Amino acid sequence: MIKMLVDYFPRIVNAMGQTILMLIISVILGITIGLVLGILITISSDEGLSPNKYLNKILGTIVNITRSIPFILLAIILIPFTRIVVGRAFGTFAASVPLTVIASALFARFTEQALKEVSPNIIKSGQAMGASKLQIVVHFMLKEASSSLVLGYTSAIISIISYSTAMGVLGGGGIGDFAIYNGYTANNTKLMVIVIIIMIIFVQIIQFIGNMVSKKLDKSRKWEEDEKNIFISF
């Protein structure tokens, strides 16, 4: 197996590079879009800063529908849109389009969940200080929910990694494409095992980093709260 790893190493590195590129594009765009959607869904709810049942219903429905469609079917449905965006339906950049769509929905839902866990007292504190709605969202809600956001986003990223490997079925390139055409199709079980091990290690690294960042943010937030309490007591 080691000899096989050495023989296929350059091609595995190239495939992993394609997967990481898909991941970077979809995660950056997905977080940008999903964060905005999640915030809008949260603040437009009945208990939100700016209740708007129509906006809340429309955005919530879009996110739910997107998450409900099996990813392979979603990627197929989006082929015409993908051609418009990148000029082709196959390849690494083309695969980033459906990945970005599903990533936006995942990040939106995790953002909403994290923000709804924020204590109403935090929001009331911001309002009492005369902060604007934008300032309350940025400096109070997002800051308070930062630890939960990191954990949620870590789970979303791991899901996107799984989706990126599935894109190999549709000629999206990456490690999934490599495993299918060099492992499964060629009946090379050992190579498939190698790829699976590599992906397990990759996911564990992502999870470890996410957990570490989340713990640091949580400790930092608690330290700031304790400092404020000490200041108030004096």
C-alpha atoms as a PDB file:
ATOM      1  CA  MET A   1       0.000   0.000   0.000  1.00  0.00           C
ATOM      2  CA  ILE A   2       2.901   2.339   0.758  1.00  0.00           C
ATOM      3  CA  LYS A   3       4.370   1.708  -2.696  1.00  0.00           C
ATOM      4  CA  MET A   4       0.988   2.505  -4.243  1.00  0.00           C
ATOM      5  CA  LEU A   5       0.815   5.739  -2.254  1.00  0.00           C
ATOM      6  CA  VAL A   6       4.247   6.735  -3.532  1.00  0.00           C
ATOM      7  CA  ASP A   7       3.319   5.879  -7.123  1.00  0.00           C
ATOM      8  CA  TYR A   8       0.056   7.831  -7.046  1.00  0.00           C
ATOM      9  CA  PHE A   9       1.263  10.603  -4.732  1.00  0.00           C
ATOM     10  CA  PRO A  10       1.625  13.368  -7.388  1.00  0.00           C
ATOM     11  CA  ARG A  11      -1.864  12.644  -8.745  1.00  0.00           C
ATOM     12  CA  ILE A  12      -3.345  12.474  -5.239  1.00  0.00           C
ATOM     13  CA  VAL A  13      -1.770  15.843  -4.389  1.00  0.00           C
ATOM     14  CA  ASN A  14      -3.194  17.340  -7.585  1.00  0.00           C
ATOM     15  CA  ALA A  15      -6.659  15.933  -6.809  1.00  0.00           C
ATOM     16  CA  MET A  16      -6.513  17.209  -3.224  1.00  0.00           C
ATOM     17  CA  GLY A  17      -5.469  20.599  -4.563  1.00  0.00           C
ATOM     18  CA  GLN A  18      -8.603  20.691  -6.718  1.00  0.00           C
ATOM     19  CA  THR A  19     -10.764  19.675  -3.758  1.00  0.00           C
ATOM     20  CA  ILE A  20      -9.219  22.355  -1.534  1.00  0.00           C
ATOM     21  CA  LEU A  21      -9.736  24.963  -4.279  1.00  0.00           C
ATOM     22  CA  MET A  22     -13.432  24.011  -4.519  1.00  0.00           C
ATOM     23  CA  LEU A  23     -13.648  24.159  -0.750  1.00  0.00           C
ATOM     24  CA  ILE A  24     -12.021  27.594  -0.479  1.00  0.00           C
ATOM     25  CA  ILE A  25     -14.258  29.141  -3.148  1.00  0.00           C
ATOM     26  CA  SER A  26     -17.502  27.649  -1.830  1.00  0.00           C
ATOM     27  CA  VAL A  27     -16.703  28.336   1.844  1.00  0.00           C
ATOM     28  CA  ILE A  28     -15.724  31.984   1.309  1.00  0.00           C
ATOM     29  CA  LEU A  29     -18.754  32.733  -0.873  1.00  0.00           C
ATOM     30  CA  GLY A  30     -21.006  30.508   1.243  1.00  0.00           C
ATOM     31  CA  ILE A  31     -20.085  32.227   4.509  1.00  0.00           C
ATOM     32  CA  THR A  32     -20.545  35.665   2.944  1.00  0.00           C
ATOM     33  CA  ILE A  33     -23.999  34.842   1.561  1.00  0.00           C
ATOM     34  CA  GLY A  34     -25.056  32.538   4.401  1.00  0.00           C
ATOM     35  CA  LEU A  35     -24.084  34.992   7.136  1.00  0.00           C
ATOM     36  CA  VAL A  36     -26.221  37.727   5.578  1.00  0.00           C
ATOM     37  CA  LEU A  37     -29.145  35.339   5.030  1.00  0.00           C
ATOM     38  CA  GLY A  38     -28.893  33.969   8.573  1.00  0.00           C
ATOM     39  CA  ILE A  39     -28.848  37.446  10.078  1.00  0.00           C
ATOM     40  CA  LEU A  40     -31.838  38.561   7.984  1.00  0.00           C
ATOM     41  CA  ILE A  41     -33.829  35.444   8.915  1.00  0.00           C
ATOM     42  CA  THR A  42     -33.059  35.987  12.609  1.00  0.00           C
ATOM     43  CA  ILE A  43     -33.827  39.692  12.863  1.00  0.00           C
ATOM     44  CA  SER A  44     -36.969  39.397  10.688  1.00  0.00           C
ATOM     45  CA  SER A  45     -38.519  36.739  12.951  1.00  0.00           C
ATOM     46  CA  ASP A  46     -41.389  37.627  15.302  1.00  0.00           C
ATOM     47  CA  GLU A  47     -38.958  38.074  18.217  1.00  0.00           C
ATOM     48  CA  GLY A  48     -36.263  39.740  16.089  1.00  0.00           C
ATOM     49  CA  LEU A  49     -35.006  43.298  15.934  1.00  0.00           C
ATOM     50  CA  SER A  50     -36.986  44.038  12.751  1.00  0.00           C
ATOM     51  CA  PRO A  51     -39.943  41.641  12.486  1.00  0.00           C
ATOM     52  CA  ASN A  52     -41.019  41.013   8.902  1.00  0.00           C
ATOM     53  CA  LYS A  53     -43.003  37.806   8.449  1.00  0.00           C
ATOM     54  CA  TYR A  54     -42.950  37.965   4.638  1.00  0.00           C
ATOM     55  CA  LEU A  55     -39.161  38.342   4.378  1.00  0.00           C
ATOM     56  CA  ASN A  56     -38.655  35.732   7.084  1.00  0.00           C
ATOM     57  CA  LYS A  57     -40.955  33.247   5.357  1.00  0.00           C
ATOM     58  CA  ILE A  58     -39.422  33.752   1.892  1.00  0.00           C
ATOM     59  CA  LEU A  59     -35.793  33.463   3.030  1.00  0.00           C
ATOM     60  CA  GLY A  60     -36.538  30.564   5.384  1.00  0.00           C
ATOM     61  CA  THR A  61     -38.341  28.669   2.632  1.00  0.00           C
ATOM     62  CA  ILE A  62     -35.485  29.192   0.158  1.00  0.00           C
ATOM     63  CA  VAL A  63     -32.942  27.899   2.674  1.00  0.00           C
ATOM     64  CA  ASN A  64     -35.104  24.908   3.626  1.00  0.00           C
ATOM     65  CA  ILE A  65     -35.785  23.912   0.015  1.00  0.00           C
ATOM     66  CA  THR A  66     -32.100  24.178  -0.901  1.00  0.00           C
ATOM     67  CA  ARG A  67     -31.087  21.980   2.033  1.00  0.00           C
ATOM     68  CA  SER A  68     -33.839  19.464   1.297  1.00  0.00           C
ATOM     69  CA  ILE A  69     -32.786  18.656  -2.278  1.00  0.00           C
ATOM     70  CA  PRO A  70     -30.256  15.771  -2.505  1.00  0.00           C
ATOM     71  CA  PHE A  71     -26.949  17.356  -3.467  1.00  0.00           C
ATOM     72  CA  ILE A  72     -26.372  15.355  -6.668  1.00  0.00           C
ATOM     73  CA  LEU A  73     -29.834  16.357  -7.920  1.00  0.00           C
ATOM     74  CA  LEU A  74     -29.187  19.965  -6.922  1.00  0.00           C
ATOM     75  CA  ALA A  75     -25.933  19.962  -8.894  1.00  0.00           C
ATOM     76  CA  ILE A  76     -27.759  18.570 -11.954  1.00  0.00           C
ATOM     77  CA  ILE A  77     -30.569  21.117 -11.651  1.00  0.00           C
ATOM     78  CA  LEU A  78     -28.008  23.927 -11.457  1.00  0.00           C
ATOM     79  CA  ILE A  79     -26.109  22.857 -14.611  1.00  0.00           C
ATOM     80  CA  PRO A  80     -27.730  25.580 -16.803  1.00  0.00           C
ATOM     81  CA  PHE A  81     -26.969  28.211 -14.135  1.00  0.00           C
ATOM     82  CA  THR A  82     -23.423  26.865 -13.758  1.00  0.00           C
ATOM     83  CA  ARG A  83     -22.862  27.246 -17.511  1.00  0.00           C
ATOM     84  CA  ILE A  84     -24.002  30.872 -17.297  1.00  0.00           C
ATOM     85  CA  VAL A  85     -21.698  31.627 -14.366  1.00  0.00           C
ATOM     86  CA  VAL A  86     -18.467  29.867 -15.400  1.00  0.00           C
ATOM     87  CA  GLY A  87     -19.129  28.996 -19.044  1.00  0.00           C
ATOM     88  CA  ARG A  88     -19.042  25.251 -18.541  1.00  0.00           C
ATOM     89  CA  ALA A  89     -20.784  22.535 -16.533  1.00  0.00           C
ATOM     90  CA  PHE A  90     -17.800  20.379 -15.605  1.00  0.00           C
ATOM     91  CA  GLY A  91     -14.493  20.948 -13.868  1.00  0.00           C
ATOM     92  CA  THR A  92     -13.264  22.401 -10.585  1.00  0.00           C
ATOM     93  CA  PHE A  93     -14.671  25.911 -10.978  1.00  0.00           C
ATOM     94  CA  ALA A  94     -17.996  24.589 -12.286  1.00  0.00           C
ATOM     95  CA  ALA A  95     -18.263  22.295  -9.255  1.00  0.00           C
ATOM     96  CA  SER A  96     -17.833  25.332  -7.002  1.00  0.00           C
ATOM     97  CA  VAL A  97     -21.196  26.750  -8.119  1.00  0.00           C
ATOM     98  CA  PRO A  98     -23.528  24.081  -6.636  1.00  0.00           C
ATOM     99  CA  LEU A  99     -21.168  23.784  -3.665  1.00  0.00           C
ATOM    100  CA  THR A 100     -21.551  27.522  -3.026  1.00  0.00           C
ATOM    101  CA  VAL A 101     -25.339  27.264  -3.247  1.00  0.00           C
ATOM    102  CA  ILE A 102     -25.580  24.441  -0.709  1.00  0.00           C
ATOM    103  CA  ALA A 103     -22.892  26.067   1.454  1.00  0.00           C
ATOM    104  CA  SER A 104     -24.891  29.312   1.597  1.00  0.00           C
ATOM    105  CA  ALA A 105     -27.948  27.417   2.835  1.00  0.00           C
ATOM    106  CA  LEU A 106     -25.936  25.501   5.456  1.00  0.00           C
ATOM    107  CA  PHE A 107     -24.149  28.584   6.767  1.00  0.00           C
ATOM    108  CA  ALA A 108     -27.441  30.529   6.826  1.00  0.00           C
ATOM    109  CA  ARG A 109     -29.116  27.896   8.982  1.00  0.00           C
ATOM    110  CA  PHE A 110     -26.155  27.567  11.370  1.00  0.00           C
ATOM    111  CA  THR A 111     -25.985  31.365  11.650  1.00  0.00           C
ATOM    112  CA  GLU A 112     -29.681  31.532  12.509  1.00  0.00           C
ATOM    113  CA  GLN A 113     -29.360  28.778  15.116  1.00  0.00           C
ATOM    114  CA  ALA A 114     -26.346  30.428  16.783  1.00  0.00           C
ATOM    115  CA  LEU A 115     -27.911  33.904  16.867  1.00  0.00           C
ATOM    116  CA  LYS A 116     -31.173  32.597  18.336  1.00  0.00           C
ATOM    117  CA  GLU A 117     -29.198  31.153  21.244  1.00  0.00           C
ATOM    118  CA  VAL A 118     -28.050  34.650  22.235  1.00  0.00           C
ATOM    119  CA  SER A 119     -29.708  35.774  25.474  1.00  0.00           C
ATOM    120  CA  PRO A 120     -32.352  38.488  25.026  1.00  0.00           C
ATOM    121  CA  ASN A 121     -30.599  40.352  27.877  1.00  0.00           C
ATOM    122  CA  ILE A 122     -27.575  40.861  25.627  1.00  0.00           C
ATOM    123  CA  ILE A 123     -29.760  42.503  23.000  1.00  0.00           C
ATOM    124  CA  LYS A 124     -31.552  44.603  25.618  1.00  0.00           C
ATOM    125  CA  SER A 125     -28.178  45.774  26.918  1.00  0.00           C
ATOM    126  CA  GLY A 126     -27.279  46.996  23.452  1.00  0.00           C
ATOM    127  CA  GLN A 127     -30.591  48.775  23.075  1.00  0.00           C
ATOM    128  CA  ALA A 128     -30.199  50.405  26.505  1.00  0.00           C
ATOM    129  CA  MET A 129     -26.794  51.724  25.437  1.00  0.00           C
ATOM    130  CA  GLY A 130     -28.399  53.343  22.399  1.00  0.00           C
ATOM    131  CA  ALA A 131     -26.729  51.055  19.848  1.00  0.00           C
ATOM    132  CA  SER A 132     -28.212  50.882  16.355  1.00  0.00           C
ATOM    133  CA  LYS A 133     -29.648  47.627  15.021  1.00  0.00           C
ATOM    134  CA  LEU A 134     -26.511  47.050  12.949  1.00  0.00           C
ATOM    135  CA  GLN A 135     -24.294  47.657  15.964  1.00  0.00           C
ATOM    136  CA  ILE A 136     -26.390  45.268  18.073  1.00  0.00           C
ATOM    137  CA  VAL A 137     -26.033  42.557  15.432  1.00  0.00           C
ATOM    138  CA  VAL A 138     -22.286  43.042  14.933  1.00  0.00           C
ATOM    139  CA  HIS A 139     -21.032  43.965  18.402  1.00  0.00           C
ATOM    140  CA  PHE A 140     -23.492  42.075  20.585  1.00  0.00           C
ATOM    141  CA  MET A 141     -25.215  39.179  18.792  1.00  0.00           C
ATOM    142  CA  LEU A 142     -22.393  37.987  16.520  1.00  0.00           C
ATOM    143  CA  LYS A 143     -19.774  38.484  19.218  1.00  0.00           C
ATOM    144  CA  GLU A 144     -21.825  36.560  21.781  1.00  0.00           C
ATOM    145  CA  ALA A 145     -22.542  33.763  19.293  1.00  0.00           C
ATOM    146  CA  SER A 146     -18.992  33.561  17.879  1.00  0.00           C
ATOM    147  CA  SER A 147     -18.109  30.277  19.606  1.00  0.00           C
ATOM    148  CA  SER A 148     -21.314  28.577  18.447  1.00  0.00           C
ATOM    149  CA  LEU A 149     -20.862  30.005  14.967  1.00  0.00           C
ATOM    150  CA  VAL A 150     -17.402  28.461  14.650  1.00  0.00           C
ATOM    151  CA  LEU A 151     -18.677  25.036  15.704  1.00  0.00           C
ATOM    152  CA  GLY A 152     -21.624  25.264  13.315  1.00  0.00           C
ATOM    153  CA  TYR A 153     -19.460  26.480  10.461  1.00  0.00           C
ATOM    154  CA  THR A 154     -16.994  23.650  11.122  1.00  0.00           C
ATOM    155  CA  SER A 155     -19.814  21.112  10.732  1.00  0.00           C
ATOM    156  CA  ALA A 156     -20.914  22.883   7.547  1.00  0.00           C
ATOM    157  CA  ILE A 157     -17.388  22.788   6.110  1.00  0.00           C
ATOM    158  CA  ILE A 158     -17.136  19.052   6.798  1.00  0.00           C
ATOM    159  CA  SER A 159     -20.449  18.534   4.982  1.00  0.00           C
ATOM    160  CA  ILE A 160     -19.151  20.585   2.045  1.00  0.00           C
ATOM    161  CA  ILE A 161     -16.058  18.362   1.908  1.00  0.00           C
ATOM    162  CA  SER A 162     -18.365  15.359   1.523  1.00  0.00           C
ATOM    163  CA  TYR A 163     -20.337  17.161  -1.194  1.00  0.00           C
ATOM    164  CA  SER A 164     -17.121  18.090  -3.013  1.00  0.00           C
ATOM    165  CA  THR A 165     -16.092  14.431  -3.228  1.00  0.00           C
ATOM    166  CA  ALA A 166     -19.570  13.606  -4.581  1.00  0.00           C
ATOM    167  CA  MET A 167     -18.966  16.086  -7.414  1.00  0.00           C
ATOM    168  CA  GLY A 168     -16.550  13.528  -8.847  1.00  0.00           C
ATOM    169  CA  VAL A 169     -19.590  11.601 -10.093  1.00  0.00           C
ATOM    170  CA  LEU A 170     -20.464  14.600 -12.294  1.00  0.00           C
ATOM    171  CA  GLY A 171     -16.926  15.203 -13.509  1.00  0.00           C
ATOM    172  CA  GLY A 172     -16.224  17.928 -11.002  1.00  0.00           C
ATOM    173  CA  GLY A 173     -12.621  16.894 -10.472  1.00  0.00           C
ATOM    174  CA  GLY A 174     -10.979  16.657  -7.074  1.00  0.00           C
ATOM    175  CA  ILE A 175     -10.290  13.687  -4.853  1.00  0.00           C
ATOM    176  CA  GLY A 176     -13.753  12.209  -5.460  1.00  0.00           C
ATOM    177  CA  ASP A 177     -13.201  12.141  -9.195  1.00  0.00           C
ATOM    178  CA  PHE A 178      -9.771  10.582  -8.638  1.00  0.00           C
ATOM    179  CA  ALA A 179     -11.172   7.880  -6.335  1.00  0.00           C
ATOM    180  CA  ILE A 180     -13.976   6.974  -8.750  1.00  0.00           C
ATOM    181  CA  TYR A 181     -11.944   6.712 -11.943  1.00  0.00           C
ATOM    182  CA  ASN A 182      -8.663   5.404 -10.509  1.00  0.00           C
ATOM    183  CA  GLY A 183     -10.050   3.365  -7.641  1.00  0.00           C
ATOM    184  CA  TYR A 184     -13.620   2.189  -8.114  1.00  0.00           C
ATOM    185  CA  THR A 185     -13.712   1.970 -11.937  1.00  0.00           C
ATOM    186  CA  ALA A 186     -10.272   0.327 -12.034  1.00  0.00           C
ATOM    187  CA  ASN A 187     -11.312  -2.062  -9.249  1.00  0.00           C
ATOM    188  CA  ASN A 188      -8.368  -0.781  -7.192  1.00  0.00           C
ATOM    189  CA  THR A 189      -9.597  -1.282  -3.619  1.00  0.00           C
ATOM    190  CA  LYS A 190      -6.261  -0.406  -2.017  1.00  0.00           C
ATOM    191  CA  LEU A 191      -6.211   2.992  -3.705  1.00  0.00           C
ATOM    192  CA  MET A 192      -9.743   3.710  -2.527  1.00  0.00           C
ATOM    193  CA  VAL A 193      -8.718   2.820   1.035  1.00  0.00           C
ATOM    194  CA  ILE A 194      -5.780   5.238   0.758  1.00  0.00           C
ATOM    195  CA  VAL A 195      -8.083   8.034  -0.420  1.00  0.00           C
ATOM    196  CA  ILE A 196     -10.566   7.320   2.390  1.00  0.00           C
ATOM    197  CA  ILE A 197      -7.775   7.473   4.996  1.00  0.00           C
ATOM    198  CA  ILE A 198      -6.537  10.777   3.549  1.00  0.00           C
ATOM    199  CA  MET A 199     -10.050  12.260   3.690  1.00  0.00           C
ATOM    200  CA  ILE A 200     -10.568  11.041   7.271  1.00  0.00           C
ATOM    201  CA  ILE A 201      -7.315  12.740   8.323  1.00  0.00           C
ATOM    202  CA  PHE A 202      -8.298  15.914   6.438  1.00  0.00           C
ATOM    203  CA  VAL A 203     -11.696  16.058   8.154  1.00  0.00           C
ATOM    204  CA  GLN A 204     -10.155  15.409  11.576  1.00  0.00           C
ATOM    205  CA  ILE A 205      -7.769  18.330  11.060  1.00  0.00           C
ATOM    206  CA  ILE A 206     -10.660  20.639  10.139  1.00  0.00           C
ATOM    207  CA  GLN A 207     -12.641  19.504  13.184  1.00  0.00           C
ATOM    208  CA  PHE A 208      -9.636  19.944  15.494  1.00  0.00           C
ATOM    209  CA  ILE A 209      -9.021  23.493  14.259  1.00  0.00           C
ATOM    210  CA  GLY A 210     -12.716  24.352  14.596  1.00  0.00           C
ATOM    211  CA  ASN A 211     -12.897  23.013  18.160  1.00  0.00           C
ATOM    212  CA  MET A 212      -9.713  24.850  19.155  1.00  0.00           C
ATOM    213  CA  VAL A 213     -10.883  28.210  17.748  1.00  0.00           C
ATOM    214  CA  SER A 214     -14.323  27.783  19.333  1.00  0.00           C
ATOM    215  CA  LYS A 215     -12.824  27.105  22.777  1.00  0.00           C
ATOM    216  CA  LYS A 216     -10.546  30.147  22.537  1.00  0.00           C
ATOM    217  CA  LEU A 217     -13.444  32.392  21.534  1.00  0.00           C
ATOM    218  CA  ASP A 218     -15.574  30.994  24.370  1.00  0.00           C
ATOM    219  CA  LYS A 219     -12.834  31.584  26.948  1.00  0.00           C
ATOM    220  CA  SER A 220     -12.236  35.103  25.607  1.00  0.00           C
ATOM    221  CA  ARG A 221     -15.963  35.904  25.824  1.00  0.00           C
ATOM    222  CA  LYS A 222     -16.235  34.583  29.392  1.00  0.00           C
ATOM    223  CA  TRP A 223     -13.132  36.539  30.422  1.00  0.00           C
ATOM    224  CA  GLU A 224     -14.652  39.754  29.067  1.00  0.00           C
ATOM    225  CA  GLU A 225     -17.920  39.047  30.926  1.00  0.00           C
ATOM    226  CA  ASP A 226     -16.054  38.431  34.194  1.00  0.00           C
ATOM    227  CA  GLU A 227     -14.068  41.626  33.697  1.00  0.00           C
ATOM    228  CA  LYS A 228     -17.290  43.602  33.168  1.00  0.00           C
ATOM    229  CA  ASN A 229     -18.860  42.060  36.286  1.00  0.00           C
ATOM    230  CA  ILE A 230     -15.806  42.975  38.389  1.00  0.00           C
ATOM    231  CA  PHE A 231     -15.905  46.522  37.011  1.00  0.00           C
ATOM    232  CA  ILE A 232     -19.631  46.840  37.796  1.00  0.00           C
ATOM    233  CA  SER A 233     -19.123  45.519  41.347  1.00  0.00           C
ATOM    234  CA  PHE A 234     -16.711  48.366  42.033  1.00  0.00           C
END
